Amino acid sequence: MNILIIFVVAMMAVGECRKSGIPVKKDGCPYECYRHRYCLEECKSLGAIGGICMANLYCVCTDLPDNVPTSSHPKSCSK
């Protein structure tokens, strides 16, 4: 019985897994940006806690849900 209680408490403590990174669209392109506010809005729409514009190139989001695709080396998709 004690093991069951410990297991339930441990699972509640773990909660939902989240990650930080560069979110990418279905085509593999990152969300390009020039302002932090844009990234904050985009990241929140993806379920993240926050986001910034990294070097005026692409958005980096914090605490994204695991189901959001990310890339550590996004491809360049400028039009």
C-alpha atoms as a PDB file:
ATOM      1  CA  MET A   1       0.000   0.000   0.000  1.00  0.00           C
ATOM      2  CA  ASN A   2       2.842   2.397   0.841  1.00  0.00           C
ATOM      3  CA  ILE A   3       4.443   1.742  -2.534  1.00  0.00           C
ATOM      4  CA  LEU A   4       1.213   2.684  -4.311  1.00  0.00           C
ATOM      5  CA  ILE A   5       1.004   5.963  -2.400  1.00  0.00           C
ATOM      6  CA  ILE A   6       4.648   6.769  -3.162  1.00  0.00           C
ATOM      7  CA  PHE A   7       4.075   5.978  -6.853  1.00  0.00           C
ATOM      8  CA  VAL A   8       1.007   8.242  -7.077  1.00  0.00           C
ATOM      9  CA  VAL A   9       2.809  11.108  -5.328  1.00  0.00           C
ATOM     10  CA  ALA A  10       5.840  10.689  -7.612  1.00  0.00           C
ATOM     11  CA  MET A  11       3.672  10.772 -10.740  1.00  0.00           C
ATOM     12  CA  MET A  12       1.960  13.947  -9.549  1.00  0.00           C
ATOM     13  CA  ALA A  13       5.349  15.570  -8.912  1.00  0.00           C
ATOM     14  CA  VAL A  14       6.631  14.720 -12.389  1.00  0.00           C
ATOM     15  CA  GLY A  15       3.627  16.230 -14.155  1.00  0.00           C
ATOM     16  CA  GLU A  16       3.638  16.964 -17.871  1.00  0.00           C
ATOM     17  CA  CYS A  17       6.996  16.846 -19.645  1.00  0.00           C
ATOM     18  CA  ARG A  18       7.960  20.111 -21.300  1.00  0.00           C
ATOM     19  CA  LYS A  19      10.925  21.304 -23.326  1.00  0.00           C
ATOM     20  CA  SER A  20      12.533  24.493 -24.574  1.00  0.00           C
ATOM     21  CA  GLY A  21      13.795  25.083 -28.085  1.00  0.00           C
ATOM     22  CA  ILE A  22      13.253  26.473 -31.556  1.00  0.00           C
ATOM     23  CA  PRO A  23       9.757  25.536 -32.731  1.00  0.00           C
ATOM     24  CA  VAL A  24       9.399  24.684 -36.412  1.00  0.00           C
ATOM     25  CA  LYS A  25       6.394  24.700 -38.728  1.00  0.00           C
ATOM     26  CA  LYS A  26       5.181  21.661 -40.682  1.00  0.00           C
ATOM     27  CA  ASP A  27       7.649  22.481 -43.478  1.00  0.00           C
ATOM     28  CA  GLY A  28      10.565  22.459 -41.006  1.00  0.00           C
ATOM     29  CA  CYS A  29      11.038  26.236 -41.106  1.00  0.00           C
ATOM     30  CA  PRO A  30      11.428  28.151 -37.836  1.00  0.00           C
ATOM     31  CA  TYR A  31       9.240  31.064 -36.821  1.00  0.00           C
ATOM     32  CA  GLU A  32      11.322  34.014 -38.078  1.00  0.00           C
ATOM     33  CA  CYS A  33      11.276  37.198 -36.036  1.00  0.00           C
ATOM     34  CA  TYR A  34      12.560  40.697 -35.439  1.00  0.00           C
ATOM     35  CA  ARG A  35      10.820  41.435 -32.116  1.00  0.00           C
ATOM     36  CA  HIS A  36      10.507  39.629 -28.788  1.00  0.00           C
ATOM     37  CA  ARG A  37       6.786  40.430 -28.545  1.00  0.00           C
ATOM     38  CA  TYR A  38       6.041  38.486 -31.750  1.00  0.00           C
ATOM     39  CA  CYS A  39       7.864  35.429 -30.396  1.00  0.00           C
ATOM     40  CA  LEU A  40       6.150  35.664 -27.047  1.00  0.00           C
ATOM     41  CA  GLU A  41       2.758  35.599 -28.798  1.00  0.00           C
ATOM     42  CA  GLU A  42       3.745  32.757 -31.175  1.00  0.00           C
ATOM     43  CA  CYS A  43       5.251  30.675 -28.387  1.00  0.00           C
ATOM     44  CA  LYS A  44       2.213  31.114 -26.160  1.00  0.00           C
ATOM     45  CA  SER A  45      -0.053  30.101 -29.054  1.00  0.00           C
ATOM     46  CA  LEU A  46       1.964  26.856 -29.227  1.00  0.00           C
ATOM     47  CA  GLY A  47       1.458  26.252 -25.498  1.00  0.00           C
ATOM     48  CA  ALA A  48       4.801  27.571 -24.231  1.00  0.00           C
ATOM     49  CA  ILE A  49       5.289  29.668 -21.119  1.00  0.00           C
ATOM     50  CA  GLY A  50       7.397  32.308 -22.898  1.00  0.00           C
ATOM     51  CA  GLY A  51       9.606  33.084 -25.845  1.00  0.00           C
ATOM     52  CA  ILE A  52      12.240  35.440 -27.227  1.00  0.00           C
ATOM     53  CA  CYS A  53      13.584  36.456 -30.615  1.00  0.00           C
ATOM     54  CA  MET A  54      17.104  35.039 -30.889  1.00  0.00           C
ATOM     55  CA  ALA A  55      19.512  37.328 -32.790  1.00  0.00           C
ATOM     56  CA  ASN A  56      16.653  38.668 -34.963  1.00  0.00           C
ATOM     57  CA  LEU A  57      16.545  35.289 -36.706  1.00  0.00           C
ATOM     58  CA  TYR A  58      14.063  32.909 -35.105  1.00  0.00           C
ATOM     59  CA  CYS A  59      11.915  32.372 -32.030  1.00  0.00           C
ATOM     60  CA  VAL A  60      13.087  30.322 -29.073  1.00  0.00           C
ATOM     61  CA  CYS A  61      10.316  29.124 -26.754  1.00  0.00           C
ATOM     62  CA  THR A  62      10.493  28.027 -23.122  1.00  0.00           C
ATOM     63  CA  ASP A  63       8.480  25.166 -21.669  1.00  0.00           C
ATOM     64  CA  LEU A  64       6.886  23.918 -24.881  1.00  0.00           C
ATOM     65  CA  PRO A  65       4.648  20.853 -24.767  1.00  0.00           C
ATOM     66  CA  ASP A  66       6.434  17.725 -25.989  1.00  0.00           C
ATOM     67  CA  ASN A  67       4.131  17.407 -29.017  1.00  0.00           C
ATOM     68  CA  VAL A  68       5.415  20.661 -30.591  1.00  0.00           C
ATOM     69  CA  PRO A  69       8.176  19.937 -33.151  1.00  0.00           C
ATOM     70  CA  THR A  70      11.488  21.694 -32.504  1.00  0.00           C
ATOM     71  CA  SER A  71      14.920  21.838 -34.084  1.00  0.00           C
ATOM     72  CA  SER A  72      18.347  22.543 -32.650  1.00  0.00           C
ATOM     73  CA  HIS A  73      19.612  23.576 -36.116  1.00  0.00           C
ATOM     74  CA  PRO A  74      16.710  25.103 -38.055  1.00  0.00           C
ATOM     75  CA  LYS A  75      17.036  25.433 -41.805  1.00  0.00           C
ATOM     76  CA  SER A  76      16.946  28.844 -43.458  1.00  0.00           C
ATOM     77  CA  CYS A  77      13.603  29.424 -45.136  1.00  0.00           C
ATOM     78  CA  SER A  78      13.724  33.103 -46.086  1.00  0.00           C
ATOM     79  CA  LYS A  79      11.467  34.108 -48.937  1.00  0.00           C
END
